[in-house]
C-alpha atoms as a PDB file:
ATOM      1  CA  MET A   1      16.298  39.574  11.066  1.00  0.00           C
ATOM      2  CA  LYS A   2      12.823  39.535  11.156  1.00  0.00           C
ATOM      3  CA  LYS A   3      12.564  39.442   7.233  1.00  0.00           C
ATOM      4  CA  ILE A   4      14.625  36.223   7.202  1.00  0.00           C
ATOM      5  CA  MET A   5      12.650  34.492  10.016  1.00  0.00           C
ATOM      6  CA  ILE A   6       9.576  35.007   8.115  1.00  0.00           C
ATOM      7  CA  ALA A   7      11.091  34.202   4.536  1.00  0.00           C
ATOM      8  CA  PHE A   8      12.205  30.805   6.371  1.00  0.00           C
ATOM      9  CA  LEU A   9       8.814  30.097   7.499  1.00  0.00           C
ATOM     10  CA  ALA A  10       7.230  30.644   4.267  1.00  0.00           C
ATOM     11  CA  LEU A  11       9.404  28.384   2.955  1.00  0.00           C
ATOM     12  CA  ALA A  12       8.881  25.758   5.250  1.00  0.00           C
ATOM     13  CA  MET A  13       4.913  25.863   5.206  1.00  0.00           C
ATOM     14  CA  GLY A  14       4.984  26.105   1.555  1.00  0.00           C
ATOM     15  CA  THR A  15       7.147  22.841   1.531  1.00  0.00           C
ATOM     16  CA  SER A  16       4.689  20.706   3.816  1.00  0.00           C
ATOM     17  CA  VAL A  17       1.694  21.999   1.871  1.00  0.00           C
ATOM     18  CA  PHE A  18       3.362  20.603  -1.163  1.00  0.00           C
ATOM     19  CA  ALA A  19       4.581  17.238   0.163  1.00  0.00           C
ATOM     20  CA  GLN A  20       3.505  14.450  -1.875  1.00  0.00           C
ATOM     21  CA  LYS A  21       1.627  11.141  -0.420  1.00  0.00           C
ATOM     22  CA  LYS A  22       3.214   8.025  -1.369  1.00  0.00           C
ATOM     23  CA  VAL A  23       1.348   4.653  -1.877  1.00  0.00           C
ATOM     24  CA  ALA A  24       2.810   3.413   1.442  1.00  0.00           C
ATOM     25  CA  ASP A  25       1.139   6.232   3.424  1.00  0.00           C
ATOM     26  CA  VAL A  26      -2.367   5.080   1.898  1.00  0.00           C
ATOM     27  CA  ALA A  27      -2.587   1.482   1.074  1.00  0.00           C
ATOM     28  CA  LYS A  28      -0.872  -1.813   1.449  1.00  0.00           C
ATOM     29  CA  PHE A  29      -1.099  -4.704  -0.919  1.00  0.00           C
ATOM     30  CA  ASN A  30      -1.387  -8.147   0.516  1.00  0.00           C
ATOM     31  CA  THR A  31       1.121  -9.174  -2.330  1.00  0.00           C
ATOM     32  CA  ASP A  32       2.842  -7.253  -5.365  1.00  0.00           C
ATOM     33  CA  THR A  33       3.057 -10.274  -7.193  1.00  0.00           C
ATOM     34  CA  TYR A  34       0.375 -12.844  -7.672  1.00  0.00           C
ATOM     35  CA  ASP A  35       1.570 -16.342  -9.331  1.00  0.00           C
ATOM     36  CA  PHE A  36      -0.745 -18.197 -11.170  1.00  0.00           C
ATOM     37  CA  GLY A  37       1.611 -21.395 -11.248  1.00  0.00           C
ATOM     38  CA  LYS A  38       1.171 -23.491 -14.358  1.00  0.00           C
ATOM     39  CA  ILE A  39      -1.945 -22.634 -16.037  1.00  0.00           C
ATOM     40  CA  LYS A  40      -3.961 -24.509 -19.074  1.00  0.00           C
ATOM     41  CA  GLN A  41      -3.894 -22.438 -22.462  1.00  0.00           C
ATOM     42  CA  ASN A  42      -6.920 -20.486 -23.667  1.00  0.00           C
ATOM     43  CA  VAL A  43      -8.251 -20.930 -20.246  1.00  0.00           C
ATOM     44  CA  PRO A  44      -8.372 -17.518 -18.255  1.00  0.00           C
ATOM     45  CA  ALA A  45      -7.032 -16.989 -15.068  1.00  0.00           C
ATOM     46  CA  THR A  46      -8.116 -14.424 -12.330  1.00  0.00           C
ATOM     47  CA  ALA A  47      -5.825 -12.869  -9.998  1.00  0.00           C
ATOM     48  CA  THR A  48      -7.204 -11.087  -7.009  1.00  0.00           C
ATOM     49  CA  PHE A  49      -5.095  -8.245  -4.943  1.00  0.00           C
ATOM     50  CA  THR A  50      -6.387  -6.982  -2.005  1.00  0.00           C
ATOM     51  CA  VAL A  51      -5.645  -3.555  -0.676  1.00  0.00           C
ATOM     52  CA  THR A  52      -5.830  -2.126   2.397  1.00  0.00           C
ATOM     53  CA  ASN A  53      -6.623   1.719   3.381  1.00  0.00           C
ATOM     54  CA  VAL A  54      -4.050   2.311   5.981  1.00  0.00           C
ATOM     55  CA  GLY A  55      -4.400   6.174   5.882  1.00  0.00           C
ATOM     56  CA  THR A  56      -6.838   8.273   7.737  1.00  0.00           C
ATOM     57  CA  THR A  57      -8.984   9.155   4.966  1.00  0.00           C
ATOM     58  CA  PRO A  58     -11.351   7.127   2.464  1.00  0.00           C
ATOM     59  CA  LEU A  59      -9.212   5.969  -0.023  1.00  0.00           C
ATOM     60  CA  ILE A  60     -10.043   5.978  -3.764  1.00  0.00           C
ATOM     61  CA  ILE A  61      -8.666   3.584  -6.183  1.00  0.00           C
ATOM     62  CA  GLU A  62      -8.956   6.088  -9.718  1.00  0.00           C
ATOM     63  CA  GLN A  63      -7.564   3.367 -12.249  1.00  0.00           C
ATOM     64  CA  ALA A  64      -6.313  -0.150 -12.389  1.00  0.00           C
ATOM     65  CA  SER A  65      -5.034  -0.753 -15.882  1.00  0.00           C
ATOM     66  CA  PRO A  66      -3.050  -3.539 -17.449  1.00  0.00           C
ATOM     67  CA  THR A  67       0.042  -2.972 -19.292  1.00  0.00           C
ATOM     68  CA  CYS A  68      -1.243  -5.005 -22.380  1.00  0.00           C
ATOM     69  CA  GLY A  69      -4.450  -6.041 -24.071  1.00  0.00           C
ATOM     70  CA  CYS A  70      -4.090  -9.688 -22.709  1.00  0.00           C
ATOM     71  CA  THR A  71      -5.303  -8.431 -19.365  1.00  0.00           C
ATOM     72  CA  ILE A  72      -8.384  -6.949 -18.087  1.00  0.00           C
ATOM     73  CA  SER A  73      -8.839  -5.587 -15.051  1.00  0.00           C
ATOM     74  CA  ASP A  74     -11.750  -4.788 -12.458  1.00  0.00           C
ATOM     75  CA  TYR A  75     -11.438  -2.827  -8.874  1.00  0.00           C
ATOM     76  CA  THR A  76     -13.385  -1.521  -6.226  1.00  0.00           C
ATOM     77  CA  LYS A  77     -15.054   1.881  -7.651  1.00  0.00           C
ATOM     78  CA  SER A  78     -16.587   3.235  -4.213  1.00  0.00           C
ATOM     79  CA  PRO A  79     -14.284   4.773  -1.349  1.00  0.00           C
ATOM     80  CA  ILE A  80     -12.254   2.264   0.920  1.00  0.00           C
ATOM     81  CA  ALA A  81     -12.747   3.655   4.408  1.00  0.00           C
ATOM     82  CA  PRO A  82      -9.852   3.839   6.775  1.00  0.00           C
ATOM     83  CA  GLY A  83      -9.048   0.006   8.096  1.00  0.00           C
ATOM     84  CA  GLN A  84     -11.046  -1.393   5.324  1.00  0.00           C
ATOM     85  CA  THR A  85     -10.037  -3.397   2.122  1.00  0.00           C
ATOM     86  CA  GLY A  86     -10.784  -3.150  -1.456  1.00  0.00           C
ATOM     87  CA  THR A  87      -9.888  -5.529  -4.518  1.00  0.00           C
ATOM     88  CA  ILE A  88      -8.402  -5.300  -7.681  1.00  0.00           C
ATOM     89  CA  LYS A  89      -9.000  -8.294  -9.980  1.00  0.00           C
ATOM     90  CA  ALA A  90      -6.875  -9.033 -13.128  1.00  0.00           C
ATOM     91  CA  THR A  91      -7.582 -11.618 -15.691  1.00  0.00           C
ATOM     92  CA  TYR A  92      -5.147 -12.998 -18.079  1.00  0.00           C
ATOM     93  CA  ASN A  93      -6.488 -14.632 -21.246  1.00  0.00           C
ATOM     94  CA  ALA A  94      -3.522 -17.320 -21.380  1.00  0.00           C
ATOM     95  CA  ALA A  95      -3.621 -17.399 -24.974  1.00  0.00           C
ATOM     96  CA  ALA A  96      -0.237 -17.509 -25.598  1.00  0.00           C
ATOM     97  CA  LEU A  97       2.498 -20.525 -24.400  1.00  0.00           C
ATOM     98  CA  GLY A  98       5.230 -19.484 -22.068  1.00  0.00           C
ATOM     99  CA  ALA A  99       5.997 -17.309 -19.198  1.00  0.00           C
ATOM    100  CA  ILE A 100       3.757 -14.677 -17.983  1.00  0.00           C
ATOM    101  CA  HIS A 101       5.084 -11.489 -16.721  1.00  0.00           C
ATOM    102  CA  LYS A 102       2.557  -8.823 -16.804  1.00  0.00           C
ATOM    103  CA  ASN A 103       1.991  -5.849 -14.954  1.00  0.00           C
ATOM    104  CA  LEU A 104      -0.771  -3.592 -13.878  1.00  0.00           C
ATOM    105  CA  THR A 105      -0.565  -0.006 -13.136  1.00  0.00           C
ATOM    106  CA  VAL A 106      -2.562   1.290  -9.956  1.00  0.00           C
ATOM    107  CA  LYS A 107      -3.258   5.099  -9.474  1.00  0.00           C
ATOM    108  CA  PHE A 108      -4.812   6.540  -6.340  1.00  0.00           C
ATOM    109  CA  ALA A 109      -7.052   9.896  -5.788  1.00  0.00           C
ATOM    110  CA  GLY A 110      -4.616  12.459  -4.068  1.00  0.00           C
ATOM    111  CA  VAL A 111      -1.502  10.246  -4.362  1.00  0.00           C
ATOM    112  CA  ASP A 112       1.017  10.859  -6.979  1.00  0.00           C
ATOM    113  CA  GLU A 113       2.951   7.968  -7.192  1.00  0.00           C
ATOM    114  CA  ILE A 114       1.888   4.969  -9.423  1.00  0.00           C
ATOM    115  CA  LYS A 115       1.865   1.548  -7.916  1.00  0.00           C
ATOM    116  CA  THR A 116       2.721  -1.542 -10.079  1.00  0.00           C
ATOM    117  CA  ILE A 117       1.408  -5.264  -9.257  1.00  0.00           C
ATOM    118  CA  SER A 118       2.161  -7.967 -11.325  1.00  0.00           C
ATOM    119  CA  LEU A 119       1.260 -11.382 -12.527  1.00  0.00           C
ATOM    120  CA  ALA A 120       3.450 -14.308 -12.793  1.00  0.00           C
ATOM    121  CA  GLY A 121       3.195 -17.763 -14.278  1.00  0.00           C
ATOM    122  CA  GLU A 122       3.406 -19.890 -16.939  1.00  0.00           C
ATOM    123  CA  VAL A 123       1.015 -20.882 -19.544  1.00  0.00           C
ATOM    124  CA  MET A 124       1.330 -24.599 -20.667  1.00  0.00           C
ATOM    125  CA  ASP A 125      -0.427 -26.988 -23.071  1.00  0.00           C
ATOM    126  CA  ASN A 126      -3.646 -28.057 -21.605  1.00  0.00           C
ATOM    127  CA  SER A 127      -2.068 -31.669 -21.301  1.00  0.00           C
ATOM    128  CA  ALA A 128       0.668 -30.303 -19.140  1.00  0.00           C
ATOM    129  CA  ALA A 129      -0.879 -28.012 -16.763  1.00  0.00           C
ATOM    130  CA  THR A 130      -1.480 -28.286 -13.288  1.00  0.00           C
ATOM    131  CA  VAL A 131      -2.971 -25.377 -11.345  1.00  0.00           C
ATOM    132  CA  ALA A 132      -0.835 -24.106  -8.340  1.00  0.00           C
ATOM    133  CA  ALA A 133      -1.960 -22.788  -5.104  1.00  0.00           C
ATOM    134  CA  PRO A 134      -3.267 -19.381  -5.836  1.00  0.00           C
ATOM    135  CA  GLY A 135      -0.643 -16.805  -4.003  1.00  0.00           C
ATOM    136  CA  ALA A 136       2.087 -19.563  -3.676  1.00  0.00           C
ATOM    137  CA  VAL A 137       4.778 -17.134  -4.892  1.00  0.00           C
ATOM    138  CA  GLN A 138       7.244 -15.943  -2.215  1.00  0.00           C
ATOM    139  CA  LYS A 139       9.558 -14.314  -4.226  1.00  0.00           C
ATOM    140  CA  VAL A 140       9.828 -13.354  -8.024  1.00  0.00           C
ATOM    141  CA  LYS A 141      13.370 -11.358  -9.389  1.00  0.00           C
ATOM    142  CA  VAL A 142      13.747 -10.054 -12.581  1.00  0.00           C
ATOM    143  CA  SER A 143      17.299  -9.051 -13.860  1.00  0.00           C
ATOM    144  CA  GLY A 144      18.040  -6.330 -16.056  1.00  0.00           C
ATOM    145  CA  ASP A 145      18.454  -8.421 -19.095  1.00  0.00           C
ATOM    146  CA  GLY A 146      14.994  -9.825 -18.546  1.00  0.00           C
ATOM    147  CA  ASP A 147      15.655 -13.219 -17.006  1.00  0.00           C
ATOM    148  CA  VAL A 148      13.027 -13.991 -14.118  1.00  0.00           C
ATOM    149  CA  LYS A 149      13.405 -16.297 -11.176  1.00  0.00           C
ATOM    150  CA  VAL A 150      10.150 -17.291  -8.810  1.00  0.00           C
ATOM    151  CA  LYS A 151      10.653 -19.379  -5.781  1.00  0.00           C
ATOM    152  CA  ALA A 152       7.314 -20.332  -4.567  1.00  0.00           C
ATOM    153  CA  THR A 153       6.551 -22.774  -1.525  1.00  0.00           C
ATOM    154  CA  ASN A 154       3.789 -25.214  -2.626  1.00  0.00           C
ATOM    155  CA  ALA A 155       0.479 -26.351  -0.805  1.00  0.00           C
ATOM    156  CA  ASP A 156       2.156 -29.712   0.032  1.00  0.00           C
ATOM    157  CA  GLY A 157       5.245 -27.858   1.547  1.00  0.00           C
ATOM    158  CA  SER A 158       7.357 -28.554  -1.430  1.00  0.00           C
ATOM    159  CA  LYS A 159       9.600 -25.691  -3.073  1.00  0.00           C
ATOM    160  CA  THR A 160       9.915 -24.803  -6.593  1.00  0.00           C
ATOM    161  CA  VAL A 161      12.356 -22.946  -8.226  1.00  0.00           C
ATOM    162  CA  THR A 162      11.482 -21.522 -11.730  1.00  0.00           C
ATOM    163  CA  LYS A 163      13.987 -19.825 -13.876  1.00  0.00           C
ATOM    164  CA  ASP A 164      13.234 -18.245 -17.244  1.00  0.00           C
ATOM    165  CA  LYS A 165      16.644 -17.269 -19.030  1.00  0.00           C
ATOM    166  CA  LYS A 166      16.631 -15.860 -22.120  1.00  0.00           C
ATOM    167  CA  GLY A 167      13.365 -17.412 -23.238  1.00  0.00           C
ATOM    168  CA  LYS A 168      14.433 -21.071 -21.784  1.00  0.00           C
ATOM    169  CA  SER A 169      12.794 -22.323 -18.596  1.00  0.00           C
ATOM    170  CA  LYS A 170      14.323 -24.592 -16.077  1.00  0.00           C
ATOM    171  CA  LYS A 171      12.304 -25.526 -13.385  1.00  0.00           C
ATOM    172  CA  LYS A 172      12.961 -27.780 -10.080  1.00  0.00           C
ATOM    173  CA  THR A 173      10.862 -28.870  -7.264  1.00  0.00           C
ATOM    174  CA  VAL A 174      12.118 -30.129  -3.927  1.00  0.00           C
ATOM    175  CA  PRO A 175       9.850 -32.428  -2.065  1.00  0.00           C
ATOM    176  CA  ALA A 176       8.660 -31.243   1.598  1.00  0.00           C
ATOM    177  CA  THR A 177      10.880 -32.345   4.424  1.00  0.00           C
ATOM    178  CA  THR A 178       9.010 -34.519   6.648  1.00  0.00           C
ATOM    179  CA  GLY A 179      10.442 -33.344  10.139  1.00  0.00           C
ATOM    180  CA  THR A 180      11.083 -37.213  11.150  1.00  0.00           C
ATOM    181  CA  ASN A 181      14.298 -38.372  12.129  1.00  0.00           C
END
């Protein structure tokens, strides 16, 4: 019985030693997706993600890597104290017309899990683009077959739904309600 108890205790201690931290245990992002809205072609656009250290030890961003060559990134290199914030900046080159759906992977020191953050929006011909309020996106949904639906509340209170289905974009804007009867 004593041997069984010792074996159980050793197994329990070994399991806790190898328990892996998750991103949610150490970091909280202000958003997982940054929506540029409509941006002008060939005019680079920069998104800034804010990450808060929700852990009890300094947080180190080891790497923040874009998944394509059309985006470059920069991030806080120094340790982020508990309760403090750091940033990850991603600049999209906006060379190609059409929908933007780009990802960056973020790796934190001491955390095996990789966090994915995203850029969304649409690159328009320079004459057609109007810049939306940064961070206006509320919800981005990507289906298994690559269809994308973006719901946003604009600065004026209107709501915009953009659907990109099989390469064809549809956009609908609903004016803000005035609240009068």
